[in-house]
Protein backbone atom coordinates (compact mmCIF):
# COMPACT_ATOMS: atom_id res chain seq x y z
CA MET A 1 0.00 0.00 0.00
CA ALA A 2 1.20 3.53 -0.81
CA TYR A 3 0.09 7.05 -0.01
CA VAL A 4 -1.28 9.28 -2.76
CA ILE A 5 -1.24 13.07 -3.14
CA THR A 6 -4.54 14.43 -4.46
CA GLN A 7 -6.22 17.55 -5.78
CA ARG A 8 -5.90 19.60 -2.60
CA CYS A 9 -2.08 19.71 -2.87
CA CYS A 10 -0.86 23.24 -2.17
CA ASN A 11 2.83 22.68 -3.13
CA ASP A 12 3.86 23.67 0.39
CA ALA A 13 6.53 20.89 0.28
CA SER A 14 6.34 20.30 4.04
CA CYS A 15 5.96 16.62 3.15
CA VAL A 16 9.23 16.48 1.20
CA THR A 17 11.58 16.86 4.14
CA GLU A 18 9.49 14.56 6.34
CA CYS A 19 9.62 11.59 3.95
CA PRO A 20 12.24 9.12 5.27
CA VAL A 21 12.75 7.47 1.86
CA ASP A 22 12.76 10.62 -0.29
CA CYS A 23 9.92 9.51 -2.58
CA ILE A 24 8.08 12.82 -3.11
CA ARG A 25 8.78 14.88 -6.21
CA PRO A 26 9.46 17.46 -7.42
CA THR A 27 11.53 18.88 -4.58
CA PRO A 28 12.00 22.65 -4.09
CA ASP A 29 15.56 22.49 -5.40
CA GLN A 30 14.47 21.00 -8.74
CA PRO A 31 13.69 23.34 -11.66
CA GLU A 32 10.30 21.74 -12.36
CA PHE A 33 9.08 22.60 -8.84
CA ALA A 34 8.40 26.20 -9.88
CA THR A 35 5.80 25.14 -12.45
CA ALA A 36 4.51 21.90 -10.93
CA GLU A 37 0.74 21.70 -10.55
CA MET A 38 1.11 19.45 -7.54
CA LEU A 39 3.55 17.05 -5.85
CA TYR A 40 3.62 13.28 -6.37
CA ILE A 41 4.51 10.17 -4.32
CA ASP A 42 6.34 7.28 -5.99
CA PRO A 43 4.16 4.21 -5.26
CA ASP A 44 7.08 1.82 -5.70
CA THR A 45 9.21 3.53 -3.05
CA CYS A 46 6.61 4.63 -0.50
CA ILE A 47 6.88 2.59 2.73
CA ASP A 48 3.45 3.53 4.07
CA CYS A 49 4.85 5.30 7.13
CA GLY A 50 2.38 8.21 7.06
CA ALA A 51 4.96 10.89 7.87
CA CYS A 52 3.81 12.92 4.86
CA VAL A 53 0.18 12.76 6.00
CA ASP A 54 1.06 14.34 9.33
CA ALA A 55 3.10 17.06 7.61
CA CYS A 56 0.51 18.06 5.00
CA PRO A 57 -1.21 21.32 6.03
CA VAL A 58 -4.21 20.85 3.71
CA ASP A 59 -5.04 17.14 4.21
CA ALA A 60 -4.22 16.29 0.58
CA ILE A 61 -2.56 12.91 1.20
CA PHE A 62 -4.50 9.64 1.51
CA SER A 63 -3.76 5.96 1.66
CA GLU A 64 -4.54 4.46 -1.74
CA ASP A 65 -7.00 2.14 -0.01
CA ASP A 66 -8.94 5.12 1.37
CA LEU A 67 -9.37 7.13 -1.83
CA LEU A 68 -12.92 8.27 -2.53
CA ALA A 69 -14.32 7.69 -6.01
CA SER A 70 -13.67 11.35 -6.90
CA LEU A 71 -9.99 10.92 -6.00
CA ALA A 72 -9.35 7.39 -7.28
CA ARG A 73 -7.68 8.60 -10.46
CA TYR A 74 -4.86 10.16 -8.45
CA ARG A 75 -3.40 6.69 -7.91
CA GLU A 76 -2.47 6.54 -11.61
CA ILE A 77 -1.64 10.26 -11.75
CA ASN A 78 1.03 9.84 -9.05
CA ALA A 79 2.42 6.69 -10.71
CA ALA A 80 2.49 8.32 -14.16
CA TYR A 81 4.72 11.13 -12.93
CA PHE A 82 7.46 8.65 -12.01
CA GLN A 83 7.22 6.89 -15.34
CA ARG A 84 8.26 10.23 -16.83
CA HIS A 85 10.67 11.07 -13.98
CA PRO A 86 12.17 7.85 -12.60
CA LEU A 87 13.09 8.30 -8.95
CA GLU A 88 16.81 8.54 -8.34
CA SER A 89 17.29 8.30 -4.62
CA ASN A 90 20.35 10.38 -3.85
CA PHE A 91 18.66 12.16 -0.97
CA ASP A 92 20.42 15.35 -0.02
CA PRO A 93 18.54 17.25 2.69
CA LEU A 94 18.07 20.96 2.15
CA ALA A 95 20.90 23.10 3.41
CA THR A 96 20.77 23.92 7.11
CA PRO A 97 19.06 27.30 7.48
CA THR A 98 21.28 30.18 8.59
CA ARG A 99 20.75 31.19 12.22
CA PRO A 100 22.13 34.42 13.70
CA PRO A 101 24.55 34.16 16.64
CA LYS A 102 22.81 34.85 19.97
CA GLU A 103 25.17 37.72 20.74
CA LEU A 104 23.58 39.77 17.96
CA GLY A 105 20.44 40.03 20.07
CA THR A 106 16.82 40.11 18.96
CA LEU A 107 16.03 40.65 15.29
CA ARG A 108 12.96 42.86 14.86
CA VAL A 109 11.01 42.46 11.61
CA ALA A 110 7.81 44.08 10.37
CA ILE A 111 5.77 42.14 7.84
CA VAL A 112 3.23 44.11 5.81
CA GLY A 113 0.40 41.78 4.82
CA ALA A 114 -1.15 38.79 6.55
CA GLY A 115 -1.78 36.38 3.68
CA PRO A 116 0.11 33.16 2.87
CA ALA A 117 3.31 34.91 1.72
CA ALA A 118 3.43 36.97 4.91
CA CYS A 119 2.61 33.99 7.11
CA TYR A 120 5.24 31.72 5.59
CA ALA A 121 7.82 34.49 6.06
CA ALA A 122 6.79 34.93 9.70
CA ASP A 123 6.87 31.19 10.30
CA GLU A 124 10.34 30.93 8.80
CA LEU A 125 11.63 33.79 10.96
CA LEU A 126 10.18 32.24 14.11
CA ARG A 127 11.90 28.93 13.32
CA ARG A 128 15.33 30.45 12.75
CA SER A 129 16.00 33.31 15.05
CA ASP A 130 15.61 35.15 18.33
CA VAL A 131 13.06 37.42 16.73
CA GLU A 132 10.17 39.79 17.30
CA VAL A 133 7.74 39.93 14.39
CA GLU A 134 4.96 42.48 13.90
CA MET A 135 2.40 41.60 11.24
CA PHE A 136 0.35 44.44 9.73
CA ASP A 137 -2.81 44.20 7.65
CA ARG A 138 -5.41 46.79 6.72
CA LEU A 139 -8.23 44.28 7.30
CA PRO A 140 -9.39 43.27 10.80
CA THR A 141 -8.65 39.62 9.94
CA PRO A 142 -5.51 37.73 8.88
CA TRP A 143 -4.88 35.04 6.22
CA GLY A 144 -5.44 37.14 3.08
CA LEU A 145 -6.50 35.00 0.12
CA VAL A 146 -6.84 31.90 2.31
CA ARG A 147 -9.86 33.64 3.84
CA ALA A 148 -10.99 35.86 0.97
CA GLY A 149 -9.76 34.06 -2.16
CA VAL A 150 -9.96 30.28 -1.76
CA ALA A 151 -13.32 28.97 -2.98
CA PRO A 152 -15.70 28.08 -0.13
CA ASP A 153 -16.08 24.50 -1.42
CA HIS A 154 -12.32 23.98 -1.04
CA ALA A 155 -12.37 23.79 2.76
CA GLY A 156 -9.32 21.53 2.85
CA THR A 157 -7.16 24.18 1.20
CA LYS A 158 -8.13 26.66 3.91
CA GLY A 159 -6.62 24.25 6.45
CA VAL A 160 -3.22 25.90 5.96
CA ALA A 161 -4.52 28.67 8.26
CA ASN A 162 -4.60 26.17 11.12
CA MET A 163 -0.88 25.60 10.67
CA PHE A 164 -0.25 29.34 10.89
CA GLU A 165 -2.46 29.66 13.98
CA SER A 166 -0.43 26.98 15.70
CA ALA A 167 2.90 28.57 14.75
CA PHE A 168 1.85 32.07 15.84
CA ARG A 169 0.71 31.30 19.38
CA ARG A 170 3.74 32.88 21.00
CA ASP A 171 3.93 36.57 21.81
CA THR A 172 7.06 36.82 19.67
CA LEU A 173 4.57 37.52 16.87
CA GLN A 174 2.15 40.42 17.33
CA TYR A 175 -0.85 41.21 15.15
CA TYR A 176 -1.59 44.79 14.08
CA LEU A 177 -4.80 44.24 12.12
CA ASN A 178 -7.07 47.01 10.85
CA VAL A 179 -3.88 49.04 10.52
CA GLU A 180 -3.03 50.47 7.12
CA VAL A 181 0.60 51.16 6.32
CA GLY A 182 0.70 54.55 4.66
CA GLU A 183 -2.19 55.85 6.75
CA HIS A 184 -1.66 54.85 10.37
CA ILE A 185 2.09 54.32 10.07
CA ASP A 186 4.45 55.08 7.21
CA HIS A 187 7.34 53.20 5.66
CA GLN A 188 10.05 55.16 7.45
CA GLU A 189 8.36 54.69 10.81
CA LEU A 190 8.34 50.94 10.24
CA LEU A 191 12.09 51.08 9.61
CA ASP A 192 12.54 53.21 12.74
CA HIS A 193 11.03 50.43 14.84
CA HIS A 194 12.52 47.39 13.08
CA HIS A 195 15.74 46.07 11.61
CA ALA A 196 13.87 45.02 8.48
CA VAL A 197 10.51 45.33 6.74
CA ILE A 198 9.12 42.57 4.50
CA TYR A 199 6.33 43.61 2.15
CA ALA A 200 4.08 40.64 1.35
CA VAL A 201 1.12 42.60 0.02
CA GLY A 202 0.18 40.34 -2.88
CA ALA A 203 -1.34 41.52 -6.15
CA SER A 204 -4.55 43.32 -5.28
CA SER A 205 -5.51 44.64 -8.71
CA ASP A 206 -6.52 42.78 -11.86
CA ARG A 207 -5.84 42.99 -15.56
CA LYS A 208 -8.29 44.63 -17.95
CA LEU A 209 -9.58 43.25 -21.24
CA GLY A 210 -9.06 46.55 -23.06
CA VAL A 211 -12.15 46.16 -25.24
CA PRO A 212 -15.15 48.45 -25.85
CA GLY A 213 -17.98 48.03 -23.35
CA GLU A 214 -15.80 46.49 -20.67
CA ASP A 215 -17.04 48.98 -18.06
CA LEU A 216 -20.75 48.44 -18.69
CA PRO A 217 -22.89 47.42 -15.70
CA GLY A 218 -22.84 43.63 -15.61
CA SER A 219 -19.16 43.45 -16.56
CA HIS A 220 -16.89 42.86 -13.55
CA SER A 221 -13.58 41.37 -12.57
CA ALA A 222 -13.63 37.87 -11.16
CA THR A 223 -11.53 39.30 -8.32
CA GLU A 224 -14.56 41.32 -7.16
CA PHE A 225 -16.90 38.36 -7.48
CA VAL A 226 -14.58 36.05 -5.52
CA ALA A 227 -14.15 38.64 -2.77
CA TRP A 228 -17.93 39.13 -2.67
CA TYR A 229 -18.82 35.49 -2.18
CA ASN A 230 -16.01 35.06 0.33
CA GLY A 231 -17.25 37.93 2.51
CA HIS A 232 -14.41 40.43 2.03
CA PRO A 233 -15.65 43.58 3.81
CA ASP A 234 -14.62 45.86 0.93
CA PHE A 235 -16.89 43.93 -1.46
CA ALA A 236 -19.83 42.80 0.68
CA ASP A 237 -22.12 45.48 -0.75
CA ARG A 238 -21.44 44.63 -4.43
CA GLU A 239 -24.32 43.46 -6.60
CA PHE A 240 -24.13 41.03 -9.50
CA ASP A 241 -26.90 40.43 -12.00
CA LEU A 242 -27.76 36.73 -11.78
CA SER A 243 -31.15 37.11 -13.47
CA GLY A 244 -30.07 35.78 -16.88
CA GLU A 245 -29.50 32.14 -17.78
CA ARG A 246 -25.91 32.53 -18.98
CA ALA A 247 -22.72 33.97 -17.50
CA VAL A 248 -19.47 34.30 -19.43
CA ILE A 249 -16.04 34.12 -17.81
CA VAL A 250 -13.08 35.41 -19.80
CA GLY A 251 -9.96 33.46 -18.89
CA ASN A 252 -9.64 29.81 -17.95
CA GLY A 253 -7.36 29.62 -14.94
CA ASN A 254 -8.27 28.03 -11.61
CA VAL A 255 -10.05 31.18 -10.44
CA ALA A 256 -12.35 30.94 -13.46
CA LEU A 257 -13.15 27.34 -12.53
CA ASP A 258 -13.83 28.38 -8.92
CA VAL A 259 -16.30 31.02 -10.09
CA ALA A 260 -17.98 28.61 -12.51
CA ARG A 261 -18.51 26.06 -9.73
CA VAL A 262 -19.96 28.63 -7.35
CA LEU A 263 -22.39 29.79 -10.04
CA THR A 264 -23.58 26.29 -10.91
CA VAL A 265 -23.45 23.97 -7.88
CA ASP A 266 -26.53 23.45 -5.74
CA PRO A 267 -26.74 26.29 -3.18
CA ASP A 268 -27.63 23.64 -0.58
CA GLU A 269 -24.10 22.29 -1.05
CA LEU A 270 -22.61 25.76 -0.65
CA ALA A 271 -24.70 26.22 2.49
CA LYS A 272 -22.39 23.69 4.19
CA THR A 273 -19.37 25.95 3.59
CA ASP A 274 -18.19 29.33 4.89
CA ILE A 275 -19.57 31.23 1.88
CA ALA A 276 -20.87 34.69 2.82
CA ASP A 277 -24.56 34.69 3.68
CA HIS A 278 -25.37 37.53 1.27
CA ALA A 279 -23.81 35.55 -1.59
CA LEU A 280 -25.65 32.38 -0.64
CA ASP A 281 -28.96 34.25 -0.63
CA ALA A 282 -28.23 35.72 -4.08
CA LEU A 283 -27.21 32.34 -5.50
CA ARG A 284 -30.43 30.76 -4.25
CA ARG A 285 -32.32 33.31 -6.37
CA SER A 286 -29.98 32.94 -9.38
CA ASN A 287 -31.36 32.00 -12.80
CA ILE A 288 -27.99 31.07 -14.27
CA ARG A 289 -28.05 27.69 -15.99
CA GLU A 290 -24.88 27.89 -18.09
CA VAL A 291 -21.42 29.31 -17.53
CA VAL A 292 -19.24 29.69 -20.63
CA ILE A 293 -15.48 29.87 -20.04
CA LEU A 294 -13.46 31.54 -22.82
CA GLY A 295 -9.76 30.78 -23.20
CA ARG A 296 -7.60 32.42 -25.82
CA ARG A 297 -5.43 29.38 -26.52
CA GLY A 298 -6.07 25.67 -27.03
CA PRO A 299 -6.89 22.85 -24.59
CA LEU A 300 -3.23 21.92 -24.16
CA GLN A 301 -2.34 25.49 -23.16
CA ALA A 302 -5.32 26.09 -20.85
CA ALA A 303 -4.33 27.91 -17.67
CA TYR A 304 -6.36 25.76 -15.27
CA SER A 305 -4.56 22.95 -13.48
CA THR A 306 -5.32 19.35 -14.36
CA PRO A 307 -6.54 18.49 -10.83
CA GLU A 308 -9.09 21.32 -10.86
CA PHE A 309 -10.27 20.34 -14.35
CA LEU A 310 -10.65 16.73 -13.26
CA ALA A 311 -12.66 17.72 -10.18
CA LEU A 312 -15.42 19.22 -12.36
CA ALA A 313 -16.43 15.71 -13.43
CA HIS A 314 -17.72 15.03 -9.91
CA LEU A 315 -20.05 18.03 -9.53
CA LYS A 316 -23.60 16.92 -8.82
CA GLY A 317 -26.17 18.22 -11.29
CA VAL A 318 -23.57 19.98 -13.45
CA ASP A 319 -22.38 18.84 -16.89
CA VAL A 320 -19.02 19.85 -18.36
CA VAL A 321 -19.31 20.68 -22.07
CA VAL A 322 -16.45 20.68 -24.58
CA ASP A 323 -17.06 20.99 -28.33
CA PRO A 324 -15.12 18.24 -30.15
CA ALA A 325 -14.24 20.79 -32.85
CA ASP A 326 -12.27 22.75 -30.25
CA LEU A 327 -10.00 19.74 -29.73
CA GLU A 328 -8.50 19.90 -33.22
CA LEU A 329 -4.88 20.79 -32.61
CA ASP A 330 -2.47 23.00 -34.50
CA PRO A 331 0.71 21.26 -35.73
CA HIS A 332 2.82 22.46 -32.80
CA SER A 333 0.33 21.25 -30.19
CA ARG A 334 -0.17 17.94 -32.03
CA ALA A 335 3.59 17.34 -32.03
CA LEU A 336 3.69 18.11 -28.32
CA LEU A 337 0.85 15.69 -27.56
CA ASP A 338 2.48 12.95 -29.65
CA ASP A 339 5.82 13.37 -27.88
CA PRO A 340 6.32 10.30 -25.67
CA ASN A 341 8.15 12.48 -23.14
CA ILE A 342 5.23 14.89 -22.61
CA GLU A 343 4.48 15.63 -18.97
CA PRO A 344 1.76 13.22 -17.77
CA SER A 345 -0.35 16.04 -16.31
CA LEU A 346 -0.36 17.85 -19.67
CA ARG A 347 -1.41 14.72 -21.54
CA LEU A 348 -4.13 14.12 -18.96
CA LYS A 349 -5.38 17.69 -19.37
CA TYR A 350 -6.10 16.97 -23.02
CA GLN A 351 -7.50 13.50 -22.33
CA LEU A 352 -9.98 14.99 -19.87
CA ALA A 353 -11.16 17.50 -22.49
CA GLU A 354 -11.68 14.58 -24.88
CA GLU A 355 -13.67 12.70 -22.25
CA TYR A 356 -15.87 15.72 -21.53
CA SER A 357 -16.52 16.13 -25.27
CA THR A 358 -18.11 12.65 -25.48
CA VAL A 359 -20.41 12.84 -22.43
CA GLN A 360 -24.16 12.69 -22.94
CA HIS A 361 -25.64 15.77 -21.29
CA ASP A 362 -28.72 15.82 -19.08
CA PRO A 363 -31.07 18.68 -20.07
CA SER A 364 -32.04 19.13 -16.42
CA HIS A 365 -28.44 19.81 -15.41
CA LYS A 366 -26.61 23.11 -15.35
CA ARG A 367 -23.61 23.42 -17.66
CA ILE A 368 -20.02 24.62 -17.58
CA ALA A 369 -19.01 25.03 -21.22
CA PHE A 370 -15.37 25.48 -22.27
CA ARG A 371 -14.61 27.44 -25.44
CA TYR A 372 -10.98 27.49 -26.56
CA LEU A 373 -9.15 29.74 -29.02
CA ALA A 374 -11.42 32.71 -28.25
CA THR A 375 -10.45 36.34 -27.63
CA PRO A 376 -13.11 38.93 -26.59
CA THR A 377 -13.36 41.89 -28.94
CA ALA A 378 -16.27 43.81 -27.40
CA VAL A 379 -18.89 43.76 -24.67
CA HIS A 380 -22.25 44.97 -26.00
CA GLY A 381 -25.22 46.67 -24.37
CA ASP A 382 -26.71 50.11 -23.77
CA ASP A 383 -27.14 50.53 -20.02
CA GLN A 384 -26.36 46.89 -19.20
CA VAL A 385 -24.36 44.03 -20.69
CA THR A 386 -26.45 42.06 -23.17
CA SER A 387 -23.78 40.10 -25.07
CA ILE A 388 -20.08 39.53 -25.56
CA GLU A 389 -18.37 39.29 -28.93
CA PHE A 390 -15.22 37.26 -29.46
CA ALA A 391 -12.90 36.33 -32.29
CA HIS A 392 -11.76 32.80 -33.02
CA ASN A 393 -7.98 32.47 -32.76
CA GLU A 394 -5.37 30.40 -34.47
CA LEU A 395 -2.09 29.35 -32.88
CA THR A 396 1.16 30.08 -34.67
CA GLU A 397 4.76 29.67 -33.60
CA GLU A 398 6.85 32.84 -33.41
CA ASN A 399 10.45 32.80 -32.16
CA GLY A 400 9.84 29.50 -30.42
CA GLN A 401 6.69 30.76 -28.69
CA LEU A 402 3.11 29.72 -29.40
CA VAL A 403 1.07 32.86 -30.09
CA ALA A 404 -2.74 33.20 -30.29
CA THR A 405 -3.73 35.41 -33.23
CA ALA A 406 -7.31 36.57 -33.82
CA THR A 407 -8.93 35.66 -37.15
CA ASP A 408 -11.81 37.38 -38.98
CA HIS A 409 -14.21 34.72 -37.70
CA THR A 410 -16.22 36.25 -34.85
CA GLU A 411 -19.10 35.06 -32.70
CA SER A 412 -21.46 36.58 -30.14
CA LEU A 413 -22.98 35.14 -26.97
CA GLY A 414 -25.95 36.66 -25.20
CA THR A 415 -25.32 37.24 -21.50
CA GLY A 416 -26.07 39.67 -18.70
CA LEU A 417 -22.94 38.86 -16.69
CA VAL A 418 -19.33 38.98 -17.88
CA LEU A 419 -16.51 38.23 -15.46
CA ARG A 420 -12.91 38.76 -16.52
CA SER A 421 -10.41 36.38 -14.96
CA ILE A 422 -7.21 37.11 -16.86
CA GLY A 423 -4.79 37.59 -14.00
CA TYR A 424 -3.97 39.60 -10.92
CA ARG A 425 -1.61 42.56 -10.88
CA GLY A 426 0.45 44.17 -8.13
CA VAL A 427 0.06 47.84 -7.29
CA PRO A 428 2.78 50.31 -6.25
CA VAL A 429 3.83 50.43 -2.61
CA ALA A 430 4.46 53.92 -1.23
CA GLY A 431 8.17 54.56 -0.76
CA LEU A 432 9.32 51.58 -2.85
CA PRO A 433 10.46 51.29 -6.47
CA PHE A 434 7.94 49.63 -8.80
CA ASP A 435 8.16 47.83 -12.14
CA GLU A 436 5.04 49.04 -13.97
CA ARG A 437 5.39 46.55 -16.80
CA ARG A 438 5.54 43.47 -14.58
CA GLY A 439 3.45 44.85 -11.72
CA ILE A 440 6.01 43.94 -9.04
CA VAL A 441 8.50 45.56 -6.68
CA PRO A 442 11.92 44.78 -8.23
CA SER A 443 14.08 42.57 -6.07
CA GLU A 444 16.98 40.13 -6.01
CA HIS A 445 16.56 37.12 -3.71
CA GLY A 446 13.95 39.11 -1.81
CA ARG A 447 16.04 42.27 -1.36
CA VAL A 448 14.27 45.30 -2.85
CA ILE A 449 16.38 46.86 -5.61
CA ASP A 450 16.28 50.54 -6.58
CA ALA A 451 18.08 50.90 -9.91
CA THR A 452 20.92 48.43 -9.23
CA GLU A 453 21.38 48.84 -5.49
CA PRO A 454 19.59 47.05 -2.66
CA VAL A 455 17.41 49.25 -0.45
CA PRO A 456 18.77 48.67 3.07
CA GLY A 457 16.40 46.78 5.35
CA VAL A 458 13.56 46.41 2.82
CA TYR A 459 12.43 43.06 1.39
CA VAL A 460 9.53 41.47 -0.50
CA SER A 461 7.91 38.06 -0.61
CA GLY A 462 5.02 36.46 -2.50
CA TRP A 463 3.22 37.84 -5.53
CA ILE A 464 4.54 41.39 -5.12
CA LYS A 465 8.00 39.81 -5.45
CA ARG A 466 7.57 37.23 -8.23
CA GLY A 467 4.26 38.13 -9.88
CA PRO A 468 0.86 36.41 -9.54
CA ARG A 469 1.77 32.80 -10.20
CA GLY A 470 1.87 29.65 -8.15
CA VAL A 471 -0.45 28.33 -5.47
CA ILE A 472 -0.58 28.90 -1.72
CA GLY A 473 2.32 26.62 -0.87
CA SER A 474 4.55 28.19 -3.54
CA ASN A 475 5.01 31.03 -1.08
CA ARG A 476 6.89 28.83 1.35
CA VAL A 477 10.03 28.42 -0.78
CA ASP A 478 9.73 32.07 -1.78
CA ALA A 479 9.62 33.12 1.89
CA GLU A 480 12.60 30.94 2.76
CA GLU A 481 14.69 32.80 0.20
CA THR A 482 13.62 36.21 1.50
CA VAL A 483 14.18 35.30 5.15
CA GLU A 484 17.61 33.91 4.26
CA ALA A 485 18.47 37.34 2.82
CA VAL A 486 17.18 39.15 5.93
CA ILE A 487 19.20 36.97 8.29
CA ALA A 488 22.34 37.14 6.13
CA ASP A 489 22.13 40.95 6.12
CA PHE A 490 21.55 40.98 9.88
CA ILE A 491 24.64 38.84 10.48
CA ALA A 492 26.69 41.00 8.08
CA GLY A 493 25.76 44.17 10.00
CA LYS A 494 23.88 45.67 7.05
CA LEU A 495 20.68 46.37 9.01
CA THR A 496 20.24 49.52 11.05
CA ALA A 497 19.25 48.91 14.65
CA PRO A 498 15.74 50.24 15.42
CA THR A 499 15.46 53.42 17.48
CA GLY A 500 12.03 52.45 18.82
CA ASP A 501 11.19 49.20 20.59
CA ARG A 502 8.01 47.10 20.70
CA ALA A 503 6.47 49.15 23.49
CA ALA A 504 7.07 52.38 21.59
CA LEU A 505 5.41 50.91 18.51
CA GLN A 506 2.39 49.78 20.51
CA ALA A 507 2.00 53.25 22.02
CA LEU A 508 2.30 54.93 18.62
CA LEU A 509 -0.33 52.73 16.99
CA ALA A 510 -2.70 52.85 19.94
CA GLU A 511 -2.76 56.61 19.45
CA ARG A 512 -2.98 56.53 15.66
CA GLN A 513 -5.53 53.72 15.33
CA PRO A 514 -7.66 53.14 18.45
CA GLU A 515 -9.60 50.42 16.60
CA LEU A 516 -6.59 48.24 15.82
CA VAL A 517 -7.24 44.53 16.22
CA ASP A 518 -4.61 42.56 18.10
CA ARG A 519 -4.24 38.83 18.75
CA LYS A 520 -7.01 38.85 21.38
CA GLY A 521 -9.36 40.74 19.06
CA TRP A 522 -8.76 38.34 16.18
CA LYS A 523 -9.30 35.35 18.47
CA THR A 524 -12.60 36.84 19.58
CA ILE A 525 -13.71 37.29 15.94
CA ASP A 526 -12.56 33.77 15.08
CA GLN A 527 -14.42 32.14 17.97
CA ALA A 528 -17.61 34.10 17.29
CA GLU A 529 -17.63 33.05 13.62
CA LYS A 530 -16.93 29.42 14.46
CA SER A 531 -19.62 29.37 17.15
CA ALA A 532 -22.18 30.74 14.70
CA GLY A 533 -21.02 28.17 12.16
CA LYS A 534 -21.34 25.28 14.59
CA ALA A 535 -24.96 26.21 15.27
CA ALA A 536 -25.62 26.21 11.50
CA GLY A 537 -23.61 23.08 10.66
CA ARG A 538 -20.93 25.11 8.86
CA PRO A 539 -17.18 25.73 9.42
CA ARG A 540 -17.94 29.36 10.28
CA VAL A 541 -20.38 32.17 9.53
CA LYS A 542 -18.32 35.17 8.52
CA PHE A 543 -18.79 38.76 9.59
CA THR A 544 -18.70 40.60 6.28
CA THR A 545 -18.62 44.29 7.22
CA ARG A 546 -15.83 46.14 8.93
CA ALA A 547 -18.28 47.45 11.55
CA ASP A 548 -19.42 43.93 12.47
CA LEU A 549 -15.85 42.64 12.54
CA LEU A 550 -14.73 45.44 14.86
CA LYS A 551 -17.75 44.95 17.07
CA ALA A 552 -16.99 41.24 17.31
CA ALA A 553 -13.33 41.96 18.10
CA LYS A 554 -14.45 43.84 21.20
CA GLY A 555 -16.53 40.89 22.34
């Protein structure tokens, strides 16, 4: 018997170092780790010890004998990876993390942000050093996209927050929630009170389509919609027109699939999750029967991950629709598919599309329809979206890259709701350099770079560092690199000692922001939400306005 990694995998890689026989791949030091959709266990080497199960923060690892029907295929998915990448067991543990000598004293670090990137950085600091960490977030709650971005029906993925809660129990980490850097405290004041500041602020904006009619009522970013159904207080009052029978999502990454599921699954199923009550009420009244997902390239190049695509097959009362004509491949894609060395997950992605294209559809079911090789050219309507127009694309190879080029063949779909899901984008941080083209703060190994020189004491981690790619666990390796740079600079004497201590910071912020939420306040919110959830048979019932969150924080 072997253990099997399944859909929930967050690429955290906690399991890799715990495995006594080194049978989990790819490892963080391998090039393919950066683009891996998930990790895999070699069934021929696994000794069924269960160490990886205990280490997994999102409960993604199961004994092959315990796999549910919806996860059974992962047995062959894990095995297929090692047919392509035979396991060579020359186990070399990761290098011992650098630890500052005790005589250097306490390292004080401010972390701006409280999402996964921030939390992994804090966790890494707490493991390595005599440290005091202050974590700042403008919301009254921590966890960032774990709370406000992960789909409510992916409860297992949210489990990573439990790992952070456990790691942050000590007073060495202090929460300063409902505190906005730039309003209640500025960049220089953070440096005055800390040796170093790590910005882990994510990518809070989104990319635009750049087509006529994009700003019509009924056309929104998927970012807004996700924040709305997850109860983000900045988006709780948004309204989305669910009166029509069709919604169109532009972009086919995992966020697009999340939105499509939320729009089509039975609201009674969502009622068992932590979805915001206002969203659940709206979805119960929804008339949407079909969600069309437009992707500008072909099925082999689709942005969604294979595990998320596979999971759609197990939605109750929802059919997945793929037009067989969309599976005709250009010569480059055909050659890739016919290559015996193709990555198993990529081959499976196409095989799944083929399987969906042959399914007999139940007229009583809702539908998630995938359209490939489609680029929006306009959103139509007078005072409200009524349709979206798109061009059919063809794929051509230019300088070794596969490029989607619009043809003269256009099509229109009637819809009252268009959601663009074509990527997140970072926004400038006051006082820091910014790369407008890439939407990131420029850095080298986590050190912020202005022109060609590092900015003393200032670092980045997560999406604001590398751009909006990767999953939750991808931030762990990213944070390790940044923290390594912080500690190396501390040891080398490159960090200026703070002029204000923890008590001075607390006094300053108590004066500037009387409604700041500390550890006790967050715990009070957390317990109140969980108590309300227990009474309703749900993980939690979220407070979705800032006023209610602050009221709850005061007990």
